[in-house]
């Protein structure tokens, strides 16, 4: 393994494939006080800190996937998200 260089891009991973079962609703689209959905805010904060971001989403989550796509996100669908948190890693 080689050591990373200062010119290597830093990629952030937004793990957003959970079911939010304890939240009691769609946590990722829940609006914050300013109206921006929680998941979109997390994505934008991550984008501001790294060179690029990949968002891992659950199958069938078109609403959140669309919201992220509108912000230029690269999306990866985690086909086995229902099997637990470790699946999206």
PDB file of N, CA and C in Angstrom:
ATOM      1  N   UNK A   1       0.844  -1.174   0.000  1.00  0.00           N
ATOM      2  CA  UNK A   1       0.000   0.000   0.000  1.00  0.00           C
ATOM      3  C   UNK A   1       0.889   1.237   0.000  1.00  0.00           C
ATOM      4  N   UNK A   2       0.544   2.186  -0.832  1.00  0.00           N
ATOM      5  CA  UNK A   2       1.322   3.417  -0.899  1.00  0.00           C
ATOM      6  C   UNK A   2       0.670   4.486  -0.035  1.00  0.00           C
ATOM      7  N   UNK A   3       1.498   5.377   0.440  1.00  0.00           N
ATOM      8  CA  UNK A   3       0.992   6.477   1.259  1.00  0.00           C
ATOM      9  C   UNK A   3       0.243   7.464   0.374  1.00  0.00           C
ATOM     10  N   UNK A   4      -0.838   8.041   0.877  1.00  0.00           N
ATOM     11  CA  UNK A   4      -1.563   9.029   0.080  1.00  0.00           C
ATOM     12  C   UNK A   4      -0.723  10.280  -0.111  1.00  0.00           C
ATOM     13  N   UNK A   5      -0.871  10.896  -1.261  1.00  0.00           N
ATOM     14  CA  UNK A   5      -0.161  12.147  -1.506  1.00  0.00           C
ATOM     15  C   UNK A   5      -1.130  13.305  -1.316  1.00  0.00           C
ATOM     16  N   UNK A   6      -0.568  14.492  -1.219  1.00  0.00           N
ATOM     17  CA  UNK A   6      -1.395  15.682  -1.017  1.00  0.00           C
ATOM     18  C   UNK A   6      -2.314  15.943  -2.200  1.00  0.00           C
ATOM     19  N   UNK A   7      -1.986  15.379  -3.368  1.00  0.00           N
ATOM     20  CA  UNK A   7      -2.815  15.618  -4.548  1.00  0.00           C
ATOM     21  C   UNK A   7      -3.906  14.565  -4.741  1.00  0.00           C
ATOM     22  N   UNK A   8      -3.911  13.511  -3.919  1.00  0.00           N
ATOM     23  CA  UNK A   8      -4.960  12.496  -4.029  1.00  0.00           C
ATOM     24  C   UNK A   8      -6.302  13.106  -3.631  1.00  0.00           C
ATOM     25  N   UNK A   9      -7.340  12.864  -4.425  1.00  0.00           N
ATOM     26  CA  UNK A   9      -8.651  13.417  -4.068  1.00  0.00           C
ATOM     27  C   UNK A   9      -9.209  12.738  -2.816  1.00  0.00           C
ATOM     28  N   UNK A  10      -9.939  13.503  -2.050  1.00  0.00           N
ATOM     29  CA  UNK A  10     -10.614  12.969  -0.869  1.00  0.00           C
ATOM     30  C   UNK A  10     -12.086  12.814  -1.224  1.00  0.00           C
ATOM     31  N   UNK A  11     -12.579  11.591  -1.094  1.00  0.00           N
ATOM     32  CA  UNK A  11     -13.966  11.285  -1.432  1.00  0.00           C
ATOM     33  C   UNK A  11     -14.744  11.049  -0.144  1.00  0.00           C
ATOM     34  N   UNK A  12     -15.850  11.753   0.005  1.00  0.00           N
ATOM     35  CA  UNK A  12     -16.736  11.546   1.143  1.00  0.00           C
ATOM     36  C   UNK A  12     -17.830  10.563   0.765  1.00  0.00           C
ATOM     37  N   UNK A  13     -18.269   9.783   1.731  1.00  0.00           N
ATOM     38  CA  UNK A  13     -19.350   8.828   1.497  1.00  0.00           C
ATOM     39  C   UNK A  13     -20.495   9.180   2.437  1.00  0.00           C
ATOM     40  N   UNK A  14     -21.640   9.504   1.865  1.00  0.00           N
ATOM     41  CA  UNK A  14     -22.835   9.784   2.650  1.00  0.00           C
ATOM     42  C   UNK A  14     -23.631   8.491   2.750  1.00  0.00           C
ATOM     43  N   UNK A  15     -23.631   7.899   3.930  1.00  0.00           N
ATOM     44  CA  UNK A  15     -24.354   6.646   4.145  1.00  0.00           C
ATOM     45  C   UNK A  15     -25.808   6.988   4.453  1.00  0.00           C
ATOM     46  N   UNK A  16     -26.674   6.825   3.462  1.00  0.00           N
ATOM     47  CA  UNK A  16     -28.074   7.236   3.578  1.00  0.00           C
ATOM     48  C   UNK A  16     -29.016   6.130   3.130  1.00  0.00           C
ATOM     49  N   UNK A  17     -28.667   4.891   3.457  1.00  0.00           N
ATOM     50  CA  UNK A  17     -29.479   3.756   3.018  1.00  0.00           C
ATOM     51  C   UNK A  17     -30.294   3.145   4.151  1.00  0.00           C
ATOM     52  N   UNK A  18     -30.329   3.806   5.298  1.00  0.00           N
ATOM     53  CA  UNK A  18     -31.069   3.265   6.433  1.00  0.00           C
ATOM     54  C   UNK A  18     -32.569   3.460   6.286  1.00  0.00           C
ATOM     55  N   UNK A  19     -33.312   2.797   7.143  1.00  0.00           N
ATOM     56  CA  UNK A  19     -34.774   2.870   7.080  1.00  0.00           C
ATOM     57  C   UNK A  19     -35.353   3.947   7.990  1.00  0.00           C
ATOM     58  N   UNK A  20     -34.552   4.527   8.874  1.00  0.00           N
ATOM     59  CA  UNK A  20     -35.006   5.561   9.815  1.00  0.00           C
ATOM     60  C   UNK A  20     -36.182   5.068  10.650  1.00  0.00           C
ATOM     61  N   UNK A  21     -36.182   3.791  10.998  1.00  0.00           N
ATOM     62  CA  UNK A  21     -37.321   3.206  11.716  1.00  0.00           C
ATOM     63  C   UNK A  21     -37.537   3.849  13.089  1.00  0.00           C
ATOM     64  N   UNK A  22     -36.495   4.262  13.765  1.00  0.00           N
ATOM     65  CA  UNK A  22     -36.649   4.900  15.077  1.00  0.00           C
ATOM     66  C   UNK A  22     -37.099   6.347  14.953  1.00  0.00           C
ATOM     67  N   UNK A  23     -36.884   6.949  13.800  1.00  0.00           N
ATOM     68  CA  UNK A  23     -37.235   8.354  13.592  1.00  0.00           C
ATOM     69  C   UNK A  23     -38.742   8.534  13.442  1.00  0.00           C
ATOM     70  N   UNK A  24     -39.395   7.529  12.893  1.00  0.00           N
ATOM     71  CA  UNK A  24     -40.845   7.602  12.724  1.00  0.00           C
ATOM     72  C   UNK A  24     -41.288   8.310  11.459  1.00  0.00           C
ATOM     73  N   UNK A  25     -40.433   8.400  10.495  1.00  0.00           N
ATOM     74  CA  UNK A  25     -40.762   9.052   9.230  1.00  0.00           C
ATOM     75  C   UNK A  25     -39.533   9.086   8.353  1.00  0.00           C
ATOM     76  N   UNK A  26     -39.617   9.821   7.266  1.00  0.00           N
ATOM     77  CA  UNK A  26     -38.493   9.911   6.342  1.00  0.00           C
ATOM     78  C   UNK A  26     -37.500  10.952   6.848  1.00  0.00           C
ATOM     79  N   UNK A  27     -36.528  10.501   7.597  1.00  0.00           N
ATOM     80  CA  UNK A  27     -35.549  11.394   8.224  1.00  0.00           C
ATOM     81  C   UNK A  27     -34.787  12.216   7.191  1.00  0.00           C
ATOM     82  N   UNK A  28     -34.418  11.609   6.089  1.00  0.00           N
ATOM     83  CA  UNK A  28     -33.581  12.292   5.100  1.00  0.00           C
ATOM     84  C   UNK A  28     -34.292  13.461   4.434  1.00  0.00           C
ATOM     85  N   UNK A  29     -35.611  13.377   4.333  1.00  0.00           N
ATOM     86  CA  UNK A  29     -36.377  14.467   3.728  1.00  0.00           C
ATOM     87  C   UNK A  29     -37.046  15.362   4.768  1.00  0.00           C
ATOM     88  N   UNK A  30     -36.819  15.091   6.054  1.00  0.00           N
ATOM     89  CA  UNK A  30     -37.397  15.927   7.109  1.00  0.00           C
ATOM     90  C   UNK A  30     -36.798  17.331   7.015  1.00  0.00           C
ATOM     91  N   UNK A  31     -37.654  18.347   6.939  1.00  0.00           N
ATOM     92  CA  UNK A  31     -37.133  19.708   6.787  1.00  0.00           C
ATOM     93  C   UNK A  31     -36.537  20.248   8.087  1.00  0.00           C
ATOM     94  N   UNK A  32     -35.427  20.934   7.939  1.00  0.00           N
ATOM     95  CA  UNK A  32     -34.834  21.663   9.057  1.00  0.00           C
ATOM     96  C   UNK A  32     -35.556  23.005   9.187  1.00  0.00           C
ATOM     97  N   UNK A  33     -35.167  23.828  10.141  1.00  0.00           N
ATOM     98  CA  UNK A  33     -35.856  25.110  10.356  1.00  0.00           C
ATOM     99  C   UNK A  33     -35.877  25.986   9.112  1.00  0.00           C
ATOM    100  N   UNK A  34     -34.820  25.886   8.300  1.00  0.00           N
ATOM    101  CA  UNK A  34     -34.749  26.711   7.091  1.00  0.00           C
ATOM    102  C   UNK A  34     -35.431  26.062   5.891  1.00  0.00           C
ATOM    103  N   UNK A  35     -36.057  24.891   6.105  1.00  0.00           N
ATOM    104  CA  UNK A  35     -36.786  24.214   5.038  1.00  0.00           C
ATOM    105  C   UNK A  35     -35.959  23.234   4.227  1.00  0.00           C
ATOM    106  N   UNK A  36     -34.655  23.233   4.410  1.00  0.00           N
ATOM    107  CA  UNK A  36     -33.795  22.305   3.669  1.00  0.00           C
ATOM    108  C   UNK A  36     -33.885  20.928   4.321  1.00  0.00           C
ATOM    109  N   UNK A  37     -34.097  19.877   3.525  1.00  0.00           N
ATOM    110  CA  UNK A  37     -34.169  18.531   4.101  1.00  0.00           C
ATOM    111  C   UNK A  37     -32.860  18.135   4.788  1.00  0.00           C
ATOM    112  N   UNK A  38     -32.983  17.408   5.879  1.00  0.00           N
ATOM    113  CA  UNK A  38     -31.834  16.988   6.678  1.00  0.00           C
ATOM    114  C   UNK A  38     -30.770  16.285   5.843  1.00  0.00           C
ATOM    115  N   UNK A  39     -31.176  15.344   4.998  1.00  0.00           N
ATOM    116  CA  UNK A  39     -30.220  14.602   4.185  1.00  0.00           C
ATOM    117  C   UNK A  39     -29.508  15.475   3.165  1.00  0.00           C
ATOM    118  N   UNK A  40     -30.225  16.446   2.615  1.00  0.00           N
ATOM    119  CA  UNK A  40     -29.613  17.370   1.652  1.00  0.00           C
ATOM    120  C   UNK A  40     -28.595  18.255   2.366  1.00  0.00           C
ATOM    121  N   UNK A  41     -28.931  18.705   3.578  1.00  0.00           N
ATOM    122  CA  UNK A  41     -27.984  19.520   4.349  1.00  0.00           C
ATOM    123  C   UNK A  41     -26.719  18.724   4.652  1.00  0.00           C
ATOM    124  N   UNK A  42     -26.881  17.460   5.039  1.00  0.00           N
ATOM    125  CA  UNK A  42     -25.715  16.609   5.315  1.00  0.00           C
ATOM    126  C   UNK A  42     -24.855  16.473   4.065  1.00  0.00           C
ATOM    127  N   UNK A  43     -25.498  16.271   2.917  1.00  0.00           N
ATOM    128  CA  UNK A  43     -24.771  16.155   1.653  1.00  0.00           C
ATOM    129  C   UNK A  43     -24.010  17.449   1.355  1.00  0.00           C
ATOM    130  N   UNK A  44     -24.672  18.581   1.458  1.00  0.00           N
ATOM    131  CA  UNK A  44     -24.033  19.867   1.148  1.00  0.00           C
ATOM    132  C   UNK A  44     -22.869  20.156   2.092  1.00  0.00           C
ATOM    133  N   UNK A  45     -23.020  19.826   3.363  1.00  0.00           N
ATOM    134  CA  UNK A  45     -21.918  20.015   4.314  1.00  0.00           C
ATOM    135  C   UNK A  45     -20.729  19.136   3.953  1.00  0.00           C
ATOM    136  N   UNK A  46     -21.002  17.916   3.532  1.00  0.00           N
ATOM    137  CA  UNK A  46     -19.923  17.009   3.144  1.00  0.00           C
ATOM    138  C   UNK A  46     -19.238  17.493   1.868  1.00  0.00           C
ATOM    139  N   UNK A  47     -20.022  17.941   0.894  1.00  0.00           N
ATOM    140  CA  UNK A  47     -19.473  18.455  -0.369  1.00  0.00           C
ATOM    141  C   UNK A  47     -18.516  19.620  -0.109  1.00  0.00           C
ATOM    142  N   UNK A  48     -18.840  20.441   0.867  1.00  0.00           N
ATOM    143  CA  UNK A  48     -18.001  21.602   1.177  1.00  0.00           C
ATOM    144  C   UNK A  48     -16.668  21.207   1.809  1.00  0.00           C
ATOM    145  N   UNK A  49     -16.551  19.953   2.242  1.00  0.00           N
ATOM    146  CA  UNK A  49     -15.366  19.532   2.985  1.00  0.00           C
ATOM    147  C   UNK A  49     -14.429  18.597   2.239  1.00  0.00           C
ATOM    148  N   UNK A  50     -14.879  18.034   1.119  1.00  0.00           N
ATOM    149  CA  UNK A  50     -14.089  17.030   0.401  1.00  0.00           C
ATOM    150  C   UNK A  50     -14.109  17.328  -1.095  1.00  0.00           C
ATOM    151  N   UNK A  51     -13.342  16.553  -1.852  1.00  0.00           N
ATOM    152  CA  UNK A  51     -13.258  16.775  -3.297  1.00  0.00           C
ATOM    153  C   UNK A  51     -14.480  16.264  -4.052  1.00  0.00           C
ATOM    154  N   UNK A  52     -15.046  15.159  -3.610  1.00  0.00           N
ATOM    155  CA  UNK A  52     -16.257  14.620  -4.235  1.00  0.00           C
ATOM    156  C   UNK A  52     -16.996  13.774  -3.213  1.00  0.00           C
ATOM    157  N   UNK A  53     -18.274  13.520  -3.510  1.00  0.00           N
ATOM    158  CA  UNK A  53     -19.121  12.772  -2.582  1.00  0.00           C
ATOM    159  C   UNK A  53     -19.889  11.708  -3.344  1.00  0.00           C
ATOM    160  N   UNK A  54     -19.964  10.541  -2.746  1.00  0.00           N
ATOM    161  CA  UNK A  54     -20.807   9.452  -3.228  1.00  0.00           C
ATOM    162  C   UNK A  54     -21.871   9.244  -2.160  1.00  0.00           C
ATOM    163  N   UNK A  55     -23.128   9.200  -2.562  1.00  0.00           N
ATOM    164  CA  UNK A  55     -24.222   8.967  -1.623  1.00  0.00           C
ATOM    165  C   UNK A  55     -24.764   7.560  -1.832  1.00  0.00           C
ATOM    166  N   UNK A  56     -24.811   6.790  -0.755  1.00  0.00           N
ATOM    167  CA  UNK A  56     -25.349   5.431  -0.797  1.00  0.00           C
ATOM    168  C   UNK A  56     -26.785   5.506  -0.296  1.00  0.00           C
ATOM    169  N   UNK A  57     -27.738   5.131  -1.157  1.00  0.00           N
ATOM    170  CA  UNK A  57     -29.163   5.223  -0.826  1.00  0.00           C
ATOM    171  C   UNK A  57     -29.819   3.851  -0.903  1.00  0.00           C
ATOM    172  N   UNK A  58     -30.988   3.738  -0.303  1.00  0.00           N
ATOM    173  CA  UNK A  58     -31.706   2.467  -0.329  1.00  0.00           C
ATOM    174  C   UNK A  58     -32.562   2.368  -1.590  1.00  0.00           C
ATOM    175  N   UNK A  59     -32.867   1.155  -2.014  1.00  0.00           N
ATOM    176  CA  UNK A  59     -33.719   0.969  -3.186  1.00  0.00           C
ATOM    177  C   UNK A  59     -35.100   1.592  -2.948  1.00  0.00           C
ATOM    178  N   UNK A  60     -35.646   2.179  -3.957  1.00  0.00           N
ATOM    179  CA  UNK A  60     -36.989   2.735  -3.873  1.00  0.00           C
ATOM    180  C   UNK A  60     -37.082   4.098  -3.227  1.00  0.00           C
ATOM    181  N   UNK A  61     -35.980   4.689  -2.855  1.00  0.00           N
ATOM    182  CA  UNK A  61     -36.005   5.998  -2.205  1.00  0.00           C
ATOM    183  C   UNK A  61     -35.858   7.098  -3.255  1.00  0.00           C
ATOM    184  N   UNK A  62     -36.814   7.143  -4.171  1.00  0.00           N
ATOM    185  CA  UNK A  62     -36.729   8.088  -5.286  1.00  0.00           C
ATOM    186  C   UNK A  62     -36.765   9.544  -4.841  1.00  0.00           C
ATOM    187  N   UNK A  63     -37.529   9.844  -3.797  1.00  0.00           N
ATOM    188  CA  UNK A  63     -37.630  11.232  -3.346  1.00  0.00           C
ATOM    189  C   UNK A  63     -36.290  11.792  -2.908  1.00  0.00           C
ATOM    190  N   UNK A  64     -35.597  11.052  -2.065  1.00  0.00           N
ATOM    191  CA  UNK A  64     -34.296  11.522  -1.592  1.00  0.00           C
ATOM    192  C   UNK A  64     -33.262  11.467  -2.706  1.00  0.00           C
ATOM    193  N   UNK A  65     -33.299  10.405  -3.507  1.00  0.00           N
ATOM    194  CA  UNK A  65     -32.361  10.290  -4.628  1.00  0.00           C
ATOM    195  C   UNK A  65     -32.527  11.476  -5.583  1.00  0.00           C
ATOM    196  N   UNK A  66     -33.758  11.871  -5.838  1.00  0.00           N
ATOM    197  CA  UNK A  66     -34.020  13.016  -6.718  1.00  0.00           C
ATOM    198  C   UNK A  66     -33.481  14.301  -6.081  1.00  0.00           C
ATOM    199  N   UNK A  67     -33.704  14.460  -4.779  1.00  0.00           N
ATOM    200  CA  UNK A  67     -33.216  15.662  -4.091  1.00  0.00           C
ATOM    201  C   UNK A  67     -31.695  15.757  -4.180  1.00  0.00           C
ATOM    202  N   UNK A  68     -31.017  14.628  -4.018  1.00  0.00           N
ATOM    203  CA  UNK A  68     -29.556  14.642  -4.120  1.00  0.00           C
ATOM    204  C   UNK A  68     -29.094  14.848  -5.555  1.00  0.00           C
ATOM    205  N   UNK A  69     -29.779  14.233  -6.500  1.00  0.00           N
ATOM    206  CA  UNK A  69     -29.421  14.411  -7.915  1.00  0.00           C
ATOM    207  C   UNK A  69     -29.515  15.875  -8.314  1.00  0.00           C
ATOM    208  N   UNK A  70     -30.513  16.567  -7.770  1.00  0.00           N
ATOM    209  CA  UNK A  70     -30.663  17.995  -8.054  1.00  0.00           C
ATOM    210  C   UNK A  70     -29.458  18.797  -7.565  1.00  0.00           C
ATOM    211  N   UNK A  71     -28.698  18.230  -6.638  1.00  0.00           N
ATOM    212  CA  UNK A  71     -27.493  18.881  -6.114  1.00  0.00           C
ATOM    213  C   UNK A  71     -26.217  18.280  -6.708  1.00  0.00           C
ATOM    214  N   UNK A  72     -26.357  17.463  -7.739  1.00  0.00           N
ATOM    215  CA  UNK A  72     -25.197  16.920  -8.435  1.00  0.00           C
ATOM    216  C   UNK A  72     -24.557  15.710  -7.792  1.00  0.00           C
ATOM    217  N   UNK A  73     -25.291  14.995  -6.967  1.00  0.00           N
ATOM    218  CA  UNK A  73     -24.717  13.847  -6.258  1.00  0.00           C
ATOM    219  C   UNK A  73     -24.508  12.652  -7.174  1.00  0.00           C
ATOM    220  N   UNK A  74     -23.443  11.910  -6.898  1.00  0.00           N
ATOM    221  CA  UNK A  74     -23.250  10.597  -7.501  1.00  0.00           C
ATOM    222  C   UNK A  74     -23.924   9.604  -6.564  1.00  0.00           C
ATOM    223  N   UNK A  75     -24.878   8.842  -7.079  1.00  0.00           N
ATOM    224  CA  UNK A  75     -25.668   7.934  -6.251  1.00  0.00           C
ATOM    225  C   UNK A  75     -25.286   6.483  -6.485  1.00  0.00           C
ATOM    226  N   UNK A  76     -25.282   5.727  -5.401  1.00  0.00           N
ATOM    227  CA  UNK A  76     -25.122   4.279  -5.464  1.00  0.00           C
ATOM    228  C   UNK A  76     -26.279   3.691  -4.671  1.00  0.00           C
ATOM    229  N   UNK A  77     -27.041   2.801  -5.291  1.00  0.00           N
ATOM    230  CA  UNK A  77     -28.146   2.138  -4.604  1.00  0.00           C
ATOM    231  C   UNK A  77     -27.605   0.892  -3.919  1.00  0.00           C
ATOM    232  N   UNK A  78     -27.904   0.762  -2.636  1.00  0.00           N
ATOM    233  CA  UNK A  78     -27.476  -0.394  -1.848  1.00  0.00           C
ATOM    234  C   UNK A  78     -28.598  -1.433  -1.904  1.00  0.00           C
ATOM    235  N   UNK A  79     -28.451  -2.468  -2.734  1.00  0.00           N
ATOM    236  CA  UNK A  79     -29.554  -3.407  -2.950  1.00  0.00           C
ATOM    237  C   UNK A  79     -29.953  -4.202  -1.713  1.00  0.00           C
ATOM    238  N   UNK A  80     -29.068  -4.331  -0.745  1.00  0.00           N
ATOM    239  CA  UNK A  80     -29.361  -5.130   0.449  1.00  0.00           C
ATOM    240  C   UNK A  80     -29.454  -4.256   1.701  1.00  0.00           C
ATOM    241  N   UNK A  81     -29.879  -3.016   1.543  1.00  0.00           N
ATOM    242  CA  UNK A  81     -29.948  -2.080   2.664  1.00  0.00           C
ATOM    243  C   UNK A  81     -30.826  -2.597   3.798  1.00  0.00           C
ATOM    244  N   UNK A  82     -31.860  -3.347   3.486  1.00  0.00           N
ATOM    245  CA  UNK A  82     -32.774  -3.861   4.514  1.00  0.00           C
ATOM    246  C   UNK A  82     -32.094  -4.860   5.448  1.00  0.00           C
ATOM    247  N   UNK A  83     -30.917  -5.348   5.080  1.00  0.00           N
ATOM    248  CA  UNK A  83     -30.202  -6.325   5.904  1.00  0.00           C
ATOM    249  C   UNK A  83     -29.367  -5.686   7.012  1.00  0.00           C
ATOM    250  N   UNK A  84     -29.369  -4.372   7.115  1.00  0.00           N
ATOM    251  CA  UNK A  84     -28.656  -3.717   8.205  1.00  0.00           C
ATOM    252  C   UNK A  84     -27.636  -2.698   7.747  1.00  0.00           C
ATOM    253  N   UNK A  85     -27.156  -1.921   8.726  1.00  0.00           N
ATOM    254  CA  UNK A  85     -26.252  -0.810   8.433  1.00  0.00           C
ATOM    255  C   UNK A  85     -24.977  -1.215   7.718  1.00  0.00           C
ATOM    256  N   UNK A  86     -24.424  -2.344   8.045  1.00  0.00           N
ATOM    257  CA  UNK A  86     -23.163  -2.770   7.452  1.00  0.00           C
ATOM    258  C   UNK A  86     -23.230  -3.002   5.959  1.00  0.00           C
ATOM    259  N   UNK A  87     -24.408  -3.177   5.422  1.00  0.00           N
ATOM    260  CA  UNK A  87     -24.552  -3.457   3.993  1.00  0.00           C
ATOM    261  C   UNK A  87     -24.134  -2.284   3.114  1.00  0.00           C
ATOM    262  N   UNK A  88     -24.301  -1.069   3.608  1.00  0.00           N
ATOM    263  CA  UNK A  88     -23.980   0.094   2.778  1.00  0.00           C
ATOM    264  C   UNK A  88     -22.497   0.426   2.776  1.00  0.00           C
ATOM    265  N   UNK A  89     -21.743  -0.237   3.624  1.00  0.00           N
ATOM    266  CA  UNK A  89     -20.300  -0.008   3.615  1.00  0.00           C
ATOM    267  C   UNK A  89     -19.661  -0.847   2.540  1.00  0.00           C
TER     268      UNK A  89
END
